[in-house]
Amino acid sequence: LDGDIGGKLARPAVGKGGAAIGTALIVPGD
């Protein structure tokens, strides 16, 4: 994410106006 990050996060297909993102990676997972 670079440049106009605020504008990109506002897009419905990107962040839909969200200001926080997260990832949980779980190994093993089924």
PDB file of all heavy atoms in Angstrom:
ATOM      1  N   LEU A   1       0.863  -1.170   0.000  1.00  0.00           N
ATOM      2  CA  LEU A   1       0.000   0.000   0.000  1.00  0.00           C
ATOM      3  C   LEU A   1       0.905   1.227   0.000  1.00  0.00           C
ATOM      4  O   LEU A   1       1.742   1.382   0.900  1.00  0.00           O
ATOM      5  CB  LEU A   1      -0.904   0.025   1.232  1.00  0.00           C
ATOM      6  CG  LEU A   1      -2.089  -0.949   1.254  1.00  0.00           C
ATOM      7  CD1 LEU A   1      -2.712  -0.970   2.651  1.00  0.00           C
ATOM      8  CD2 LEU A   1      -3.130  -0.563   0.220  1.00  0.00           C
ATOM      9  N   ASP A   2       0.770   2.084  -0.983  1.00  0.00           N
ATOM     10  CA  ASP A   2       1.594   3.298  -0.998  1.00  0.00           C
ATOM     11  C   ASP A   2       0.814   4.430  -1.647  1.00  0.00           C
ATOM     12  O   ASP A   2      -0.291   4.252  -2.146  1.00  0.00           O
ATOM     13  CB  ASP A   2       2.938   3.059  -1.696  1.00  0.00           C
ATOM     14  CG  ASP A   2       2.783   2.517  -3.110  1.00  0.00           C
ATOM     15  OD1 ASP A   2       1.655   2.562  -3.648  1.00  0.00           O
ATOM     16  OD2 ASP A   2       3.767   2.041  -3.683  1.00  0.00           O
ATOM     17  N   GLY A   3       1.412   5.610  -1.570  1.00  0.00           N
ATOM     18  CA  GLY A   3       0.745   6.780  -2.116  1.00  0.00           C
ATOM     19  C   GLY A   3      -0.475   7.152  -1.300  1.00  0.00           C
ATOM     20  O   GLY A   3      -0.389   7.334  -0.079  1.00  0.00           O
ATOM     21  N   ASP A   4      -1.624   7.218  -1.954  1.00  0.00           N
ATOM     22  CA  ASP A   4      -2.879   7.611  -1.311  1.00  0.00           C
ATOM     23  C   ASP A   4      -3.469   6.415  -0.550  1.00  0.00           C
ATOM     24  O   ASP A   4      -4.486   5.837  -0.951  1.00  0.00           O
ATOM     25  CB  ASP A   4      -3.852   8.122  -2.372  1.00  0.00           C
ATOM     26  CG  ASP A   4      -5.183   8.588  -1.786  1.00  0.00           C
ATOM     27  OD1 ASP A   4      -5.237   8.822  -0.554  1.00  0.00           O
ATOM     28  OD2 ASP A   4      -6.150   8.698  -2.553  1.00  0.00           O
ATOM     29  N   ILE A   5      -2.876   6.068   0.563  1.00  0.00           N
ATOM     30  CA  ILE A   5      -3.323   4.900   1.331  1.00  0.00           C
ATOM     31  C   ILE A   5      -4.733   5.118   1.874  1.00  0.00           C
ATOM     32  O   ILE A   5      -5.576   4.214   1.845  1.00  0.00           O
ATOM     33  CB  ILE A   5      -2.336   4.594   2.468  1.00  0.00           C
ATOM     34  CG1 ILE A   5      -1.018   4.059   1.880  1.00  0.00           C
ATOM     35  CG2 ILE A   5      -2.931   3.591   3.452  1.00  0.00           C
ATOM     36  CD1 ILE A   5       0.036   3.738   2.905  1.00  0.00           C
ATOM     37  N   GLY A   6      -5.020   6.314   2.359  1.00  0.00           N
ATOM     38  CA  GLY A   6      -6.350   6.597   2.884  1.00  0.00           C
ATOM     39  C   GLY A   6      -7.430   6.390   1.830  1.00  0.00           C
ATOM     40  O   GLY A   6      -8.481   5.794   2.100  1.00  0.00           O
ATOM     41  N   GLY A   7      -7.185   6.870   0.615  1.00  0.00           N
ATOM     42  CA  GLY A   7      -8.140   6.701  -0.465  1.00  0.00           C
ATOM     43  C   GLY A   7      -8.316   5.245  -0.861  1.00  0.00           C
ATOM     44  O   GLY A   7      -9.431   4.798  -1.141  1.00  0.00           O
ATOM     45  N   LYS A   8      -7.218   4.499  -0.861  1.00  0.00           N
ATOM     46  CA  LYS A   8      -7.295   3.082  -1.235  1.00  0.00           C
ATOM     47  C   LYS A   8      -8.070   2.271  -0.189  1.00  0.00           C
ATOM     48  O   LYS A   8      -8.883   1.418  -0.534  1.00  0.00           O
ATOM     49  CB  LYS A   8      -5.884   2.516  -1.410  1.00  0.00           C
ATOM     50  CG  LYS A   8      -5.161   3.093  -2.615  1.00  0.00           C
ATOM     51  CD  LYS A   8      -3.714   2.623  -2.691  1.00  0.00           C
ATOM     52  CE  LYS A   8      -3.020   3.244  -3.895  1.00  0.00           C
ATOM     53  NZ  LYS A   8      -1.580   2.864  -3.976  1.00  0.00           N
ATOM     54  N   LEU A   9      -7.826   2.547   1.084  1.00  0.00           N
ATOM     55  CA  LEU A   9      -8.542   1.827   2.134  1.00  0.00           C
ATOM     56  C   LEU A   9     -10.028   2.147   2.135  1.00  0.00           C
ATOM     57  O   LEU A   9     -10.841   1.347   2.615  1.00  0.00           O
ATOM     58  CB  LEU A   9      -7.940   2.156   3.503  1.00  0.00           C
ATOM     59  CG  LEU A   9      -6.549   1.573   3.790  1.00  0.00           C
ATOM     60  CD1 LEU A   9      -6.021   2.100   5.118  1.00  0.00           C
ATOM     61  CD2 LEU A   9      -6.580   0.055   3.803  1.00  0.00           C
ATOM     62  N   ALA A  10     -10.391   3.304   1.605  1.00  0.00           N
ATOM     63  CA  ALA A  10     -11.804   3.687   1.562  1.00  0.00           C
ATOM     64  C   ALA A  10     -12.582   2.912   0.499  1.00  0.00           C
ATOM     65  O   ALA A  10     -13.809   2.829   0.567  1.00  0.00           O
ATOM     66  CB  ALA A  10     -11.935   5.184   1.302  1.00  0.00           C
ATOM     67  N   ARG A  11     -11.887   2.315  -0.459  1.00  0.00           N
ATOM     68  CA  ARG A  11     -12.570   1.592  -1.533  1.00  0.00           C
ATOM     69  C   ARG A  11     -13.233   0.330  -0.983  1.00  0.00           C
ATOM     70  O   ARG A  11     -12.640  -0.397  -0.185  1.00  0.00           O
ATOM     71  CB  ARG A  11     -11.579   1.212  -2.627  1.00  0.00           C
ATOM     72  CG  ARG A  11     -10.929   2.398  -3.327  1.00  0.00           C
ATOM     73  CD  ARG A  11      -9.876   1.923  -4.311  1.00  0.00           C
ATOM     74  NE  ARG A  11      -9.121   3.034  -4.875  1.00  0.00           N
ATOM     75  CZ  ARG A  11      -8.029   2.888  -5.633  1.00  0.00           C
ATOM     76  NH1 ARG A  11      -7.603   1.661  -5.922  1.00  0.00           N
ATOM     77  NH2 ARG A  11      -7.392   3.936  -6.085  1.00  0.00           N
ATOM     78  N   PRO A  12     -14.453   0.030  -1.424  1.00  0.00           N
ATOM     79  CA  PRO A  12     -15.164  -1.161  -0.923  1.00  0.00           C
ATOM     80  C   PRO A  12     -14.392  -2.459  -1.136  1.00  0.00           C
ATOM     81  O   PRO A  12     -14.443  -3.355  -0.294  1.00  0.00           O
ATOM     82  CB  PRO A  12     -16.469  -1.143  -1.734  1.00  0.00           C
ATOM     83  CG  PRO A  12     -16.676   0.294  -2.088  1.00  0.00           C
ATOM     84  CD  PRO A  12     -15.301   0.855  -2.321  1.00  0.00           C
ATOM     85  N   ALA A  13     -13.675  -2.572  -2.242  1.00  0.00           N
ATOM     86  CA  ALA A  13     -12.963  -3.811  -2.543  1.00  0.00           C
ATOM     87  C   ALA A  13     -11.617  -3.916  -1.835  1.00  0.00           C
ATOM     88  O   ALA A  13     -10.965  -4.962  -1.893  1.00  0.00           O
ATOM     89  CB  ALA A  13     -12.745  -3.941  -4.051  1.00  0.00           C
ATOM     90  N   VAL A  14     -11.196  -2.852  -1.164  1.00  0.00           N
ATOM     91  CA  VAL A  14      -9.900  -2.873  -0.464  1.00  0.00           C
ATOM     92  C   VAL A  14     -10.114  -2.927   1.046  1.00  0.00           C
ATOM     93  O   VAL A  14      -9.857  -3.954   1.689  1.00  0.00           O
ATOM     94  CB  VAL A  14      -9.036  -1.655  -0.844  1.00  0.00           C
ATOM     95  CG1 VAL A  14      -7.697  -1.692  -0.108  1.00  0.00           C
ATOM     96  CG2 VAL A  14      -8.803  -1.628  -2.351  1.00  0.00           C
ATOM     97  N   GLY A  15     -10.561  -1.832   1.646  1.00  0.00           N
ATOM     98  CA  GLY A  15     -10.747  -1.801   3.092  1.00  0.00           C
ATOM     99  C   GLY A  15     -12.119  -1.370   3.543  1.00  0.00           C
ATOM    100  O   GLY A  15     -12.423  -1.432   4.731  1.00  0.00           O
ATOM    101  N   LYS A  16     -12.935  -0.868   2.600  1.00  0.00           N
ATOM    102  CA  LYS A  16     -14.297  -0.410   2.913  1.00  0.00           C
ATOM    103  C   LYS A  16     -14.294   0.608   4.059  1.00  0.00           C
ATOM    104  O   LYS A  16     -15.139   0.585   4.938  1.00  0.00           O
ATOM    105  CB  LYS A  16     -15.190  -1.601   3.260  1.00  0.00           C
ATOM    106  CG  LYS A  16     -16.664  -1.351   3.092  1.00  0.00           C
ATOM    107  CD  LYS A  16     -17.460  -2.617   3.373  1.00  0.00           C
ATOM    108  CE  LYS A  16     -18.934  -2.393   3.236  1.00  0.00           C
ATOM    109  NZ  LYS A  16     -19.719  -3.635   3.503  1.00  0.00           N
ATOM    110  N   GLY A  17     -13.270   1.468   4.055  1.00  0.00           N
ATOM    111  CA  GLY A  17     -13.166   2.496   5.078  1.00  0.00           C
ATOM    112  C   GLY A  17     -12.510   2.052   6.365  1.00  0.00           C
ATOM    113  O   GLY A  17     -12.401   2.832   7.315  1.00  0.00           O
ATOM    114  N   GLY A  18     -12.070   0.810   6.420  1.00  0.00           N
ATOM    115  CA  GLY A  18     -11.414   0.308   7.628  1.00  0.00           C
ATOM    116  C   GLY A  18     -10.064   0.959   7.864  1.00  0.00           C
ATOM    117  O   GLY A  18      -9.393   1.378   6.924  1.00  0.00           O
ATOM    118  N   ALA A  19      -9.675   1.033   9.121  1.00  0.00           N
ATOM    119  CA  ALA A  19      -8.391   1.640   9.482  1.00  0.00           C
ATOM    120  C   ALA A  19      -7.455   0.645  10.141  1.00  0.00           C
ATOM    121  O   ALA A  19      -6.377   1.013  10.584  1.00  0.00           O
ATOM    122  CB  ALA A  19      -8.616   2.824  10.415  1.00  0.00           C
ATOM    123  N   ALA A  20      -7.871  -0.617  10.214  1.00  0.00           N
ATOM    124  CA  ALA A  20      -7.026  -1.634  10.849  1.00  0.00           C
ATOM    125  C   ALA A  20      -7.187  -2.950  10.097  1.00  0.00           C
ATOM    126  O   ALA A  20      -8.294  -3.344   9.742  1.00  0.00           O
ATOM    127  CB  ALA A  20      -7.410  -1.817  12.314  1.00  0.00           C
ATOM    128  N   ILE A  21      -6.060  -3.611   9.848  1.00  0.00           N
ATOM    129  CA  ILE A  21      -6.078  -4.916   9.201  1.00  0.00           C
ATOM    130  C   ILE A  21      -5.241  -5.876  10.039  1.00  0.00           C
ATOM    131  O   ILE A  21      -4.371  -5.464  10.818  1.00  0.00           O
ATOM    132  CB  ILE A  21      -5.536  -4.872   7.760  1.00  0.00           C
ATOM    133  CG1 ILE A  21      -4.075  -4.379   7.740  1.00  0.00           C
ATOM    134  CG2 ILE A  21      -6.411  -3.994   6.882  1.00  0.00           C
ATOM    135  CD1 ILE A  21      -3.425  -4.471   6.367  1.00  0.00           C
ATOM    136  N   GLY A  22      -5.518  -7.151   9.897  1.00  0.00           N
ATOM    137  CA  GLY A  22      -4.765  -8.143  10.665  1.00  0.00           C
ATOM    138  C   GLY A  22      -4.702  -9.467   9.939  1.00  0.00           C
ATOM    139  O   GLY A  22      -5.518  -9.760   9.058  1.00  0.00           O
ATOM    140  N   THR A  23      -3.708 -10.270  10.309  1.00  0.00           N
ATOM    141  CA  THR A  23      -3.536 -11.602   9.739  1.00  0.00           C
ATOM    142  C   THR A  23      -3.124 -12.554  10.846  1.00  0.00           C
ATOM    143  O   THR A  23      -2.276 -12.224  11.675  1.00  0.00           O
ATOM    144  CB  THR A  23      -2.449 -11.607   8.642  1.00  0.00           C
ATOM    145  OG1 THR A  23      -2.811 -10.691   7.617  1.00  0.00           O
ATOM    146  CG2 THR A  23      -2.295 -12.992   8.033  1.00  0.00           C
ATOM    147  N   ALA A  24      -3.745 -13.729  10.851  1.00  0.00           N
ATOM    148  CA  ALA A  24      -3.333 -14.802  11.744  1.00  0.00           C
ATOM    149  C   ALA A  24      -2.982 -16.013  10.894  1.00  0.00           C
ATOM    150  O   ALA A  24      -3.806 -16.483  10.107  1.00  0.00           O
ATOM    151  CB  ALA A  24      -4.435 -15.153  12.735  1.00  0.00           C
ATOM    152  N   LEU A  25      -1.754 -16.499  11.029  1.00  0.00           N
ATOM    153  CA  LEU A  25      -1.274 -17.666  10.302  1.00  0.00           C
ATOM    154  C   LEU A  25      -1.137 -18.812  11.301  1.00  0.00           C
ATOM    155  O   LEU A  25      -0.436 -18.682  12.313  1.00  0.00           O
ATOM    156  CB  LEU A  25       0.074 -17.356   9.655  1.00  0.00           C
ATOM    157  CG  LEU A  25       0.805 -18.482   8.930  1.00  0.00           C
ATOM    158  CD1 LEU A  25      -0.028 -19.004   7.771  1.00  0.00           C
ATOM    159  CD2 LEU A  25       2.153 -17.990   8.428  1.00  0.00           C
ATOM    160  N   ILE A  26      -1.817 -19.932  11.020  1.00  0.00           N
ATOM    161  CA  ILE A  26      -1.889 -21.038  11.974  1.00  0.00           C
ATOM    162  C   ILE A  26      -1.404 -22.317  11.296  1.00  0.00           C
ATOM    163  O   ILE A  26      -1.966 -22.738  10.280  1.00  0.00           O
ATOM    164  CB  ILE A  26      -3.338 -21.233  12.472  1.00  0.00           C
ATOM    165  CG1 ILE A  26      -3.907 -19.899  12.992  1.00  0.00           C
ATOM    166  CG2 ILE A  26      -3.397 -22.303  13.556  1.00  0.00           C
ATOM    167  CD1 ILE A  26      -5.415 -19.866  13.043  1.00  0.00           C
ATOM    168  N   VAL A  27      -0.345 -22.918  11.855  1.00  0.00           N
ATOM    169  CA  VAL A  27       0.217 -24.149  11.301  1.00  0.00           C
ATOM    170  C   VAL A  27       0.361 -25.174  12.423  1.00  0.00           C
ATOM    171  O   VAL A  27       0.955 -24.857  13.459  1.00  0.00           O
ATOM    172  CB  VAL A  27       1.614 -23.891  10.679  1.00  0.00           C
ATOM    173  CG1 VAL A  27       2.117 -25.152   9.986  1.00  0.00           C
ATOM    174  CG2 VAL A  27       1.579 -22.709   9.707  1.00  0.00           C
ATOM    175  N   PRO A  28      -0.183 -26.379  12.295  1.00  0.00           N
ATOM    176  CA  PRO A  28      -1.016 -26.826  11.172  1.00  0.00           C
ATOM    177  C   PRO A  28      -2.424 -26.273  11.285  1.00  0.00           C
ATOM    178  O   PRO A  28      -2.855 -25.865  12.358  1.00  0.00           O
ATOM    179  CB  PRO A  28      -0.994 -28.345  11.329  1.00  0.00           C
ATOM    180  CG  PRO A  28      -0.829 -28.560  12.809  1.00  0.00           C
ATOM    181  CD  PRO A  28       0.065 -27.444  13.288  1.00  0.00           C
ATOM    182  N   GLY A  29      -3.131 -26.270  10.170  1.00  0.00           N
ATOM    183  CA  GLY A  29      -4.515 -25.816  10.154  1.00  0.00           C
ATOM    184  C   GLY A  29      -5.322 -26.673   9.203  1.00  0.00           C
ATOM    185  O   GLY A  29      -4.821 -27.076   8.147  1.00  0.00           O
ATOM    186  N   ASP A  30      -6.562 -26.965   9.567  1.00  0.00           N
ATOM    187  CA  ASP A  30      -7.409 -27.811   8.732  1.00  0.00           C
ATOM    188  C   ASP A  30      -8.845 -27.306   8.749  1.00  0.00           C
ATOM    189  O   ASP A  30      -9.165 -26.288   9.385  1.00  0.00           O
ATOM    190  CB  ASP A  30      -7.343 -29.277   9.194  1.00  0.00           C
ATOM    191  CG  ASP A  30      -7.697 -29.447  10.667  1.00  0.00           C
ATOM    192  OD1 ASP A  30      -8.359 -28.551  11.233  1.00  0.00           O
ATOM    193  OD2 ASP A  30      -7.302 -30.464  11.263  1.00  0.00           O
TER     194      ASP A  30
END
